[in-house]
Amino acid sequence: MKKKNQSISKSAIKFILYSFFLILLLFSKNIKEFQYFRVHFSNFFSIIFYPKQTLNNLSFMESQNDSLVLELKRISEENLNLKQRIRTINDHRDYDKKLNKLIPSHKFIPAKVINHSLSKSTHIFNVNIGSKDGVTDKYKAVINYDGNLVGKTWVVTDSNTEVHKISDKSFHVYVKTDKNVDGQFSYKSGKLGIIESVSKRNESLLNVGDIFYTSQSSNIYPENIPVAKVIDIQNRRYEHELYIKVEILADLTSLSNVFIVTQ
């Protein structure tokens, strides 16, 4: 019985001593030894948990970086769109003065291309204006923003107009140069066409790079609309006329906005 009591008393004494020691550790701020021990004890656990905290920080930084990359990509795309819009505005802000100088005494109705024909053999497209916007049912010239000939109006409804493009083999228009060499434009393929009915005696009046314009001979197209540029001139021996190859000036593959020329 005495041994059991002695064992209990020893355990109690140990518990009291441990408790006292822990109290000293927690509340003894002025004892340098304890402060030193607490610092190193804290550093020990910091070292143990540091890799986990580092991984958490790296994961958070990676997530933030991905978000920033996506945001920068979005801002970059918006910036490119804004630059394109500004470029388009700068290119077209003085179009009315330019077109009036090119084709005086005429009015121009702006139109947006809404779709192109799905058939390669049908060279037409539709614009978003029609008779209610002032387009008549008579054939009228259609030009791009640079004033180059694109085609002519074909079918007109209340709110839409079908345009027959110059890149059709059934398309013909009377043309002339600055030196009054007259001929007729006919489409061939791609961006190429030929000028027909030009006498060989006019060969000296023609050069590669010359521009052919619409002439007064047409009742559809006002005079002086640029049509095509000369890229080759041949005086073939057994033919009565010059063979003149030309390139269409208008870019018909990227049309988005055009003008219909009215009287």
C-alpha atoms as a PDB file:
ATOM      1  CA  MET A   1       0.000   0.000   0.000  1.00  0.00           C
ATOM      2  CA  LYS A   2       2.881   2.299   0.868  1.00  0.00           C
ATOM      3  CA  LYS A   3       4.568   1.594  -2.503  1.00  0.00           C
ATOM      4  CA  LYS A   4       1.375   2.527  -4.333  1.00  0.00           C
ATOM      5  CA  ASN A   5       1.037   5.794  -2.409  1.00  0.00           C
ATOM      6  CA  GLN A   6       4.697   6.623  -3.087  1.00  0.00           C
ATOM      7  CA  SER A   7       4.145   6.019  -6.844  1.00  0.00           C
ATOM      8  CA  ILE A   8       1.123   8.331  -6.898  1.00  0.00           C
ATOM      9  CA  SER A   9       2.975  11.033  -5.006  1.00  0.00           C
ATOM     10  CA  LYS A  10       5.916  10.823  -7.424  1.00  0.00           C
ATOM     11  CA  SER A  11       3.569  11.163 -10.411  1.00  0.00           C
ATOM     12  CA  ALA A  12       1.891  14.140  -8.812  1.00  0.00           C
ATOM     13  CA  ILE A  13       5.236  15.788  -8.148  1.00  0.00           C
ATOM     14  CA  LYS A  14       6.310  15.200 -11.790  1.00  0.00           C
ATOM     15  CA  PHE A  15       3.047  16.639 -13.054  1.00  0.00           C
ATOM     16  CA  ILE A  16       3.451  19.723 -10.856  1.00  0.00           C
ATOM     17  CA  LEU A  17       7.050  20.213 -12.018  1.00  0.00           C
ATOM     18  CA  TYR A  18       6.113  19.845 -15.723  1.00  0.00           C
ATOM     19  CA  SER A  19       3.232  22.248 -15.288  1.00  0.00           C
ATOM     20  CA  PHE A  20       5.469  24.744 -13.556  1.00  0.00           C
ATOM     21  CA  PHE A  21       8.033  24.425 -16.313  1.00  0.00           C
ATOM     22  CA  LEU A  22       5.440  24.997 -19.011  1.00  0.00           C
ATOM     23  CA  ILE A  23       4.106  28.043 -17.173  1.00  0.00           C
ATOM     24  CA  LEU A  24       7.620  29.428 -17.072  1.00  0.00           C
ATOM     25  CA  LEU A  25       7.970  28.823 -20.819  1.00  0.00           C
ATOM     26  CA  LEU A  26       4.743  30.633 -21.598  1.00  0.00           C
ATOM     27  CA  PHE A  27       5.050  33.592 -19.260  1.00  0.00           C
ATOM     28  CA  SER A  28       8.740  34.127 -18.719  1.00  0.00           C
ATOM     29  CA  LYS A  29       9.360  36.831 -21.331  1.00  0.00           C
ATOM     30  CA  ASN A  30      12.268  38.372 -19.466  1.00  0.00           C
ATOM     31  CA  ILE A  31      14.384  35.249 -19.129  1.00  0.00           C
ATOM     32  CA  LYS A  32      16.851  35.155 -22.024  1.00  0.00           C
ATOM     33  CA  GLU A  33      17.249  31.381 -21.959  1.00  0.00           C
ATOM     34  CA  PHE A  34      13.568  30.801 -22.295  1.00  0.00           C
ATOM     35  CA  GLN A  35      13.302  33.433 -25.013  1.00  0.00           C
ATOM     36  CA  TYR A  36      16.115  31.752 -26.900  1.00  0.00           C
ATOM     37  CA  PHE A  37      14.442  28.355 -26.541  1.00  0.00           C
ATOM     38  CA  ARG A  38      11.075  29.719 -27.696  1.00  0.00           C
ATOM     39  CA  VAL A  39      12.619  31.313 -30.762  1.00  0.00           C
ATOM     40  CA  HIS A  40      14.367  28.126 -31.819  1.00  0.00           C
ATOM     41  CA  PHE A  41      11.338  26.035 -30.994  1.00  0.00           C
ATOM     42  CA  SER A  42       9.226  28.301 -33.228  1.00  0.00           C
ATOM     43  CA  ASN A  43      11.835  28.224 -36.021  1.00  0.00           C
ATOM     44  CA  PHE A  44      11.837  24.434 -35.883  1.00  0.00           C
ATOM     45  CA  PHE A  45       8.116  24.232 -36.639  1.00  0.00           C
ATOM     46  CA  SER A  46       8.436  26.999 -39.251  1.00  0.00           C
ATOM     47  CA  ILE A  47      11.032  24.932 -41.111  1.00  0.00           C
ATOM     48  CA  ILE A  48       8.776  21.880 -40.963  1.00  0.00           C
ATOM     49  CA  PHE A  49       5.751  23.710 -42.417  1.00  0.00           C
ATOM     50  CA  TYR A  50       7.669  26.041 -44.791  1.00  0.00           C
ATOM     51  CA  PRO A  51       7.581  23.738 -47.914  1.00  0.00           C
ATOM     52  CA  LYS A  52       3.808  23.379 -47.628  1.00  0.00           C
ATOM     53  CA  GLN A  53       3.355  27.139 -47.331  1.00  0.00           C
ATOM     54  CA  THR A  54       5.726  27.683 -50.261  1.00  0.00           C
ATOM     55  CA  LEU A  55       3.735  25.273 -52.426  1.00  0.00           C
ATOM     56  CA  ASN A  56       0.512  27.039 -51.508  1.00  0.00           C
ATOM     57  CA  ASN A  57       2.039  30.394 -52.416  1.00  0.00           C
ATOM     58  CA  LEU A  58       3.357  29.052 -55.723  1.00  0.00           C
ATOM     59  CA  SER A  59      -0.036  27.573 -56.579  1.00  0.00           C
ATOM     60  CA  PHE A  60      -1.715  30.892 -55.830  1.00  0.00           C
ATOM     61  CA  MET A  61       0.856  32.805 -57.908  1.00  0.00           C
ATOM     62  CA  GLU A  62       0.392  30.386 -60.830  1.00  0.00           C
ATOM     63  CA  SER A  63      -3.375  30.886 -60.689  1.00  0.00           C
ATOM     64  CA  GLN A  64      -2.922  34.661 -60.632  1.00  0.00           C
ATOM     65  CA  ASN A  65      -0.468  34.467 -63.525  1.00  0.00           C
ATOM     66  CA  ASP A  66      -2.938  32.456 -65.653  1.00  0.00           C
ATOM     67  CA  SER A  67      -5.623  35.037 -64.950  1.00  0.00           C
ATOM     68  CA  LEU A  68      -3.290  37.864 -65.952  1.00  0.00           C
ATOM     69  CA  VAL A  69      -2.325  36.064 -69.188  1.00  0.00           C
ATOM     70  CA  LEU A  70      -5.995  35.667 -70.140  1.00  0.00           C
ATOM     71  CA  GLU A  71      -6.694  39.299 -69.312  1.00  0.00           C
ATOM     72  CA  LEU A  72      -3.715  40.486 -71.360  1.00  0.00           C
ATOM     73  CA  LYS A  73      -4.894  38.361 -74.299  1.00  0.00           C
ATOM     74  CA  ARG A  74      -8.379  39.885 -74.085  1.00  0.00           C
ATOM     75  CA  ILE A  75      -6.985  43.425 -73.879  1.00  0.00           C
ATOM     76  CA  SER A  76      -4.648  42.721 -76.819  1.00  0.00           C
ATOM     77  CA  GLU A  77      -7.557  41.528 -78.973  1.00  0.00           C
ATOM     78  CA  GLU A  78      -9.631  44.575 -78.059  1.00  0.00           C
ATOM     79  CA  ASN A  79      -6.661  46.803 -78.859  1.00  0.00           C
ATOM     80  CA  LEU A  80      -6.274  45.231 -82.310  1.00  0.00           C
ATOM     81  CA  ASN A  81     -10.001  45.696 -82.998  1.00  0.00           C
ATOM     82  CA  LEU A  82      -9.837  49.339 -81.947  1.00  0.00           C
ATOM     83  CA  LYS A  83      -6.780  49.952 -84.130  1.00  0.00           C
ATOM     84  CA  GLN A  84      -8.584  48.404 -87.106  1.00  0.00           C
ATOM     85  CA  ARG A  85     -11.660  50.569 -86.493  1.00  0.00           C
ATOM     86  CA  ILE A  86      -9.498  53.698 -86.202  1.00  0.00           C
ATOM     87  CA  ARG A  87      -7.666  52.764 -89.412  1.00  0.00           C
ATOM     88  CA  THR A  88     -10.967  52.252 -91.212  1.00  0.00           C
ATOM     89  CA  ILE A  89     -12.310  55.593 -89.964  1.00  0.00           C
ATOM     90  CA  ASN A  90      -9.150  57.399 -91.048  1.00  0.00           C
ATOM     91  CA  ASP A  91      -9.277  55.757 -94.472  1.00  0.00           C
ATOM     92  CA  HIS A  92     -12.905  56.633 -95.091  1.00  0.00           C
ATOM     93  CA  ARG A  93     -13.563  59.871 -93.221  1.00  0.00           C
ATOM     94  CA  ASP A  94     -13.013  62.029 -96.337  1.00  0.00           C
ATOM     95  CA  TYR A  95     -14.615  59.620 -98.816  1.00  0.00           C
ATOM     96  CA  ASP A  96     -17.349  62.094 -99.785  1.00  0.00           C
ATOM     97  CA  LYS A  97     -14.804  64.732-100.836  1.00  0.00           C
ATOM     98  CA  LYS A  98     -12.736  62.137-102.667  1.00  0.00           C
ATOM     99  CA  LEU A  99     -15.696  60.682-104.561  1.00  0.00           C
ATOM    100  CA  ASN A 100     -17.133  64.084-105.421  1.00  0.00           C
ATOM    101  CA  LYS A 101     -13.796  65.039-106.894  1.00  0.00           C
ATOM    102  CA  LEU A 102     -13.623  61.771-108.852  1.00  0.00           C
ATOM    103  CA  ILE A 103     -17.255  61.753-110.037  1.00  0.00           C
ATOM    104  CA  PRO A 104     -18.677  65.282-109.771  1.00  0.00           C
ATOM    105  CA  SER A 105     -22.401  66.065-109.888  1.00  0.00           C
ATOM    106  CA  HIS A 106     -23.412  62.649-108.572  1.00  0.00           C
ATOM    107  CA  LYS A 107     -24.742  61.365-105.268  1.00  0.00           C
ATOM    108  CA  PHE A 108     -23.529  58.265-103.452  1.00  0.00           C
ATOM    109  CA  ILE A 109     -25.566  55.980-101.212  1.00  0.00           C
ATOM    110  CA  PRO A 110     -23.394  53.972 -98.780  1.00  0.00           C
ATOM    111  CA  ALA A 111     -24.260  50.293 -98.382  1.00  0.00           C
ATOM    112  CA  LYS A 112     -23.027  47.332 -96.365  1.00  0.00           C
ATOM    113  CA  VAL A 113     -22.399  43.976 -98.026  1.00  0.00           C
ATOM    114  CA  ILE A 114     -24.524  41.384 -96.210  1.00  0.00           C
ATOM    115  CA  ASN A 115     -23.697  38.244 -98.212  1.00  0.00           C
ATOM    116  CA  HIS A 116     -22.044  36.892-101.355  1.00  0.00           C
ATOM    117  CA  SER A 117     -23.370  34.270-103.717  1.00  0.00           C
ATOM    118  CA  LEU A 118     -22.450  30.724-102.677  1.00  0.00           C
ATOM    119  CA  SER A 119     -22.042  29.719-106.322  1.00  0.00           C
ATOM    120  CA  LYS A 120     -18.640  30.364-107.907  1.00  0.00           C
ATOM    121  CA  SER A 121     -20.302  30.743-111.291  1.00  0.00           C
ATOM    122  CA  THR A 122     -22.626  33.511-110.037  1.00  0.00           C
ATOM    123  CA  HIS A 123     -20.728  36.701-109.347  1.00  0.00           C
ATOM    124  CA  ILE A 124     -23.231  38.640-107.277  1.00  0.00           C
ATOM    125  CA  PHE A 125     -23.590  39.939-103.737  1.00  0.00           C
ATOM    126  CA  ASN A 126     -26.332  41.630-101.734  1.00  0.00           C
ATOM    127  CA  VAL A 127     -26.290  44.935 -99.854  1.00  0.00           C
ATOM    128  CA  ASN A 128     -28.518  46.209 -97.070  1.00  0.00           C
ATOM    129  CA  ILE A 129     -30.285  49.068 -98.885  1.00  0.00           C
ATOM    130  CA  GLY A 130     -33.103  49.094-101.438  1.00  0.00           C
ATOM    131  CA  SER A 131     -35.786  51.217-103.034  1.00  0.00           C
ATOM    132  CA  LYS A 132     -36.877  52.737 -99.715  1.00  0.00           C
ATOM    133  CA  ASP A 133     -33.323  54.091 -99.365  1.00  0.00           C
ATOM    134  CA  GLY A 134     -33.353  55.751-102.788  1.00  0.00           C
ATOM    135  CA  VAL A 135     -32.039  52.970-105.031  1.00  0.00           C
ATOM    136  CA  THR A 136     -33.974  52.904-108.311  1.00  0.00           C
ATOM    137  CA  ASP A 137     -34.768  49.846-110.407  1.00  0.00           C
ATOM    138  CA  LYS A 138     -32.534  51.165-113.210  1.00  0.00           C
ATOM    139  CA  TYR A 139     -29.005  49.796-113.412  1.00  0.00           C
ATOM    140  CA  LYS A 140     -26.546  51.920-111.417  1.00  0.00           C
ATOM    141  CA  ALA A 141     -22.780  51.792-110.936  1.00  0.00           C
ATOM    142  CA  VAL A 142     -21.402  50.358-107.683  1.00  0.00           C
ATOM    143  CA  ILE A 143     -17.956  51.416-106.443  1.00  0.00           C
ATOM    144  CA  ASN A 144     -15.756  50.675-103.440  1.00  0.00           C
ATOM    145  CA  TYR A 145     -14.297  53.157-100.942  1.00  0.00           C
ATOM    146  CA  ASP A 146     -11.401  53.897-103.287  1.00  0.00           C
ATOM    147  CA  GLY A 147     -13.840  54.860-106.043  1.00  0.00           C
ATOM    148  CA  ASN A 148     -12.990  51.837-108.212  1.00  0.00           C
ATOM    149  CA  LEU A 149     -15.712  50.074-110.171  1.00  0.00           C
ATOM    150  CA  VAL A 150     -17.148  46.997-108.447  1.00  0.00           C
ATOM    151  CA  GLY A 151     -20.171  46.282-110.634  1.00  0.00           C
ATOM    152  CA  LYS A 152     -23.735  47.445-111.161  1.00  0.00           C
ATOM    153  CA  THR A 153     -27.069  47.100-109.409  1.00  0.00           C
ATOM    154  CA  TRP A 154     -29.088  44.147-110.657  1.00  0.00           C
ATOM    155  CA  VAL A 155     -32.250  43.413-108.681  1.00  0.00           C
ATOM    156  CA  VAL A 156     -33.723  45.962-106.260  1.00  0.00           C
ATOM    157  CA  THR A 157     -36.221  45.198-103.481  1.00  0.00           C
ATOM    158  CA  ASP A 158     -37.570  47.418-100.718  1.00  0.00           C
ATOM    159  CA  SER A 159     -34.665  46.810 -98.350  1.00  0.00           C
ATOM    160  CA  ASN A 160     -31.966  44.980-100.355  1.00  0.00           C
ATOM    161  CA  THR A 161     -30.127  45.278-103.655  1.00  0.00           C
ATOM    162  CA  GLU A 162     -28.403  42.566-105.634  1.00  0.00           C
ATOM    163  CA  VAL A 163     -25.132  43.680-107.238  1.00  0.00           C
ATOM    164  CA  HIS A 164     -23.685  42.119-110.391  1.00  0.00           C
ATOM    165  CA  LYS A 165     -19.893  42.097-109.983  1.00  0.00           C
ATOM    166  CA  ILE A 166     -17.398  43.101-112.647  1.00  0.00           C
ATOM    167  CA  SER A 167     -15.825  39.640-112.296  1.00  0.00           C
ATOM    168  CA  ASP A 168     -18.431  37.959-114.481  1.00  0.00           C
ATOM    169  CA  LYS A 169     -17.751  36.908-118.076  1.00  0.00           C
ATOM    170  CA  SER A 170     -21.058  38.449-119.147  1.00  0.00           C
ATOM    171  CA  PHE A 171     -19.963  41.803-117.717  1.00  0.00           C
ATOM    172  CA  HIS A 172     -18.849  44.442-120.241  1.00  0.00           C
ATOM    173  CA  VAL A 173     -18.290  48.174-119.920  1.00  0.00           C
ATOM    174  CA  TYR A 174     -17.022  50.874-122.281  1.00  0.00           C
ATOM    175  CA  VAL A 175     -13.770  52.423-121.103  1.00  0.00           C
ATOM    176  CA  LYS A 176     -11.122  54.966-122.067  1.00  0.00           C
ATOM    177  CA  THR A 177      -7.704  56.208-120.954  1.00  0.00           C
ATOM    178  CA  ASP A 178      -6.551  59.716-120.073  1.00  0.00           C
ATOM    179  CA  LYS A 179      -5.376  60.006-123.705  1.00  0.00           C
ATOM    180  CA  ASN A 180      -8.863  59.104-124.978  1.00  0.00           C
ATOM    181  CA  VAL A 181      -8.039  55.623-126.191  1.00  0.00           C
ATOM    182  CA  ASP A 182     -11.453  53.941-126.241  1.00  0.00           C
ATOM    183  CA  GLY A 183     -12.249  50.261-125.813  1.00  0.00           C
ATOM    184  CA  GLN A 184     -14.458  47.763-124.039  1.00  0.00           C
ATOM    185  CA  PHE A 185     -13.577  45.925-120.846  1.00  0.00           C
ATOM    186  CA  SER A 186     -14.389  42.203-120.716  1.00  0.00           C
ATOM    187  CA  TYR A 187     -13.669  39.914-117.774  1.00  0.00           C
ATOM    188  CA  LYS A 188     -11.494  36.805-118.188  1.00  0.00           C
ATOM    189  CA  SER A 189     -10.492  35.174-114.884  1.00  0.00           C
ATOM    190  CA  GLY A 190      -9.234  35.967-111.397  1.00  0.00           C
ATOM    191  CA  LYS A 191      -8.509  39.682-111.357  1.00  0.00           C
ATOM    192  CA  LEU A 192      -7.755  39.773-115.064  1.00  0.00           C
ATOM    193  CA  GLY A 193      -9.644  41.103-118.046  1.00  0.00           C
ATOM    194  CA  ILE A 194      -8.940  42.439-121.530  1.00  0.00           C
ATOM    195  CA  ILE A 195      -9.665  45.672-123.357  1.00  0.00           C
ATOM    196  CA  GLU A 196     -11.205  44.925-126.733  1.00  0.00           C
ATOM    197  CA  SER A 197     -11.754  47.006-129.872  1.00  0.00           C
ATOM    198  CA  VAL A 198      -8.550  49.067-129.573  1.00  0.00           C
ATOM    199  CA  SER A 199      -6.999  49.869-132.945  1.00  0.00           C
ATOM    200  CA  LYS A 200      -3.300  49.176-133.503  1.00  0.00           C
ATOM    201  CA  ARG A 201      -2.765  52.796-134.461  1.00  0.00           C
ATOM    202  CA  ASN A 202      -3.247  53.666-130.762  1.00  0.00           C
ATOM    203  CA  GLU A 203      -0.336  51.523-129.622  1.00  0.00           C
ATOM    204  CA  SER A 204       1.948  54.523-129.134  1.00  0.00           C
ATOM    205  CA  LEU A 205      -0.638  56.105-126.814  1.00  0.00           C
ATOM    206  CA  LEU A 206      -0.663  53.138-124.439  1.00  0.00           C
ATOM    207  CA  ASN A 207       1.753  52.019-121.725  1.00  0.00           C
ATOM    208  CA  VAL A 208       1.824  49.370-119.046  1.00  0.00           C
ATOM    209  CA  GLY A 209       0.401  50.936-115.880  1.00  0.00           C
ATOM    210  CA  ASP A 210      -2.182  53.093-117.706  1.00  0.00           C
ATOM    211  CA  ILE A 211      -5.644  53.183-116.130  1.00  0.00           C
ATOM    212  CA  PHE A 212      -8.855  52.612-118.042  1.00  0.00           C
ATOM    213  CA  TYR A 213     -11.903  54.569-116.810  1.00  0.00           C
ATOM    214  CA  THR A 214     -15.595  54.392-117.612  1.00  0.00           C
ATOM    215  CA  SER A 215     -16.463  56.550-120.622  1.00  0.00           C
ATOM    216  CA  GLN A 216     -19.354  58.705-121.766  1.00  0.00           C
ATOM    217  CA  SER A 217     -20.479  55.894-124.065  1.00  0.00           C
ATOM    218  CA  SER A 218     -22.253  54.159-121.162  1.00  0.00           C
ATOM    219  CA  ASN A 219     -25.687  55.157-119.861  1.00  0.00           C
ATOM    220  CA  ILE A 220     -25.158  53.136-116.657  1.00  0.00           C
ATOM    221  CA  TYR A 221     -21.742  54.249-115.450  1.00  0.00           C
ATOM    222  CA  PRO A 222     -20.765  57.882-114.897  1.00  0.00           C
ATOM    223  CA  GLU A 223     -17.598  58.949-116.666  1.00  0.00           C
ATOM    224  CA  ASN A 224     -14.158  58.562-115.070  1.00  0.00           C
ATOM    225  CA  ILE A 225     -14.724  55.675-112.648  1.00  0.00           C
ATOM    226  CA  PRO A 226     -11.415  53.707-112.487  1.00  0.00           C
ATOM    227  CA  VAL A 227     -11.876  50.172-113.803  1.00  0.00           C
ATOM    228  CA  ALA A 228      -8.588  48.401-114.552  1.00  0.00           C
ATOM    229  CA  LYS A 229      -4.821  48.848-114.999  1.00  0.00           C
ATOM    230  CA  VAL A 230      -2.866  47.799-118.092  1.00  0.00           C
ATOM    231  CA  ILE A 231      -0.392  44.991-117.343  1.00  0.00           C
ATOM    232  CA  ASP A 232       0.424  43.800-120.879  1.00  0.00           C
ATOM    233  CA  ILE A 233       0.142  45.132-124.452  1.00  0.00           C
ATOM    234  CA  GLN A 234       0.641  42.885-127.477  1.00  0.00           C
ATOM    235  CA  ASN A 235       0.573  43.742-131.165  1.00  0.00           C
ATOM    236  CA  ARG A 236      -0.200  40.352-132.592  1.00  0.00           C
ATOM    237  CA  ARG A 237       0.686  39.895-136.250  1.00  0.00           C
ATOM    238  CA  TYR A 238      -2.500  38.276-137.556  1.00  0.00           C
ATOM    239  CA  GLU A 239      -4.976  40.312-135.515  1.00  0.00           C
ATOM    240  CA  HIS A 240      -6.483  43.681-136.421  1.00  0.00           C
ATOM    241  CA  GLU A 241      -6.639  44.988-132.845  1.00  0.00           C
ATOM    242  CA  LEU A 242      -4.240  45.272-129.932  1.00  0.00           C
ATOM    243  CA  TYR A 243      -4.332  42.595-127.270  1.00  0.00           C
ATOM    244  CA  ILE A 244      -4.449  44.509-123.962  1.00  0.00           C
ATOM    245  CA  LYS A 245      -4.454  42.575-120.712  1.00  0.00           C
ATOM    246  CA  VAL A 246      -5.617  44.482-117.622  1.00  0.00           C
ATOM    247  CA  GLU A 247      -5.998  43.917-113.903  1.00  0.00           C
ATOM    248  CA  ILE A 248      -9.192  44.917-112.067  1.00  0.00           C
ATOM    249  CA  LEU A 249      -8.453  47.677-109.567  1.00  0.00           C
ATOM    250  CA  ALA A 250     -11.135  46.831-106.992  1.00  0.00           C
ATOM    251  CA  ASP A 251     -10.430  44.045-104.512  1.00  0.00           C
ATOM    252  CA  LEU A 252     -13.585  41.970-104.951  1.00  0.00           C
ATOM    253  CA  THR A 253     -12.581  39.338-102.383  1.00  0.00           C
ATOM    254  CA  SER A 254     -12.787  41.553 -99.306  1.00  0.00           C
ATOM    255  CA  LEU A 255     -15.765  43.807 -99.945  1.00  0.00           C
ATOM    256  CA  SER A 256     -17.611  44.926 -96.827  1.00  0.00           C
ATOM    257  CA  ASN A 257     -18.856  48.398 -97.750  1.00  0.00           C
ATOM    258  CA  VAL A 258     -19.667  49.940-101.137  1.00  0.00           C
ATOM    259  CA  PHE A 259     -21.392  52.948-102.710  1.00  0.00           C
ATOM    260  CA  ILE A 260     -24.199  52.993-105.216  1.00  0.00           C
ATOM    261  CA  VAL A 261     -23.836  55.930-107.589  1.00  0.00           C
ATOM    262  CA  THR A 262     -27.085  57.787-108.245  1.00  0.00           C
ATOM    263  CA  GLN A 263     -27.856  60.720-110.543  1.00  0.00           C
END
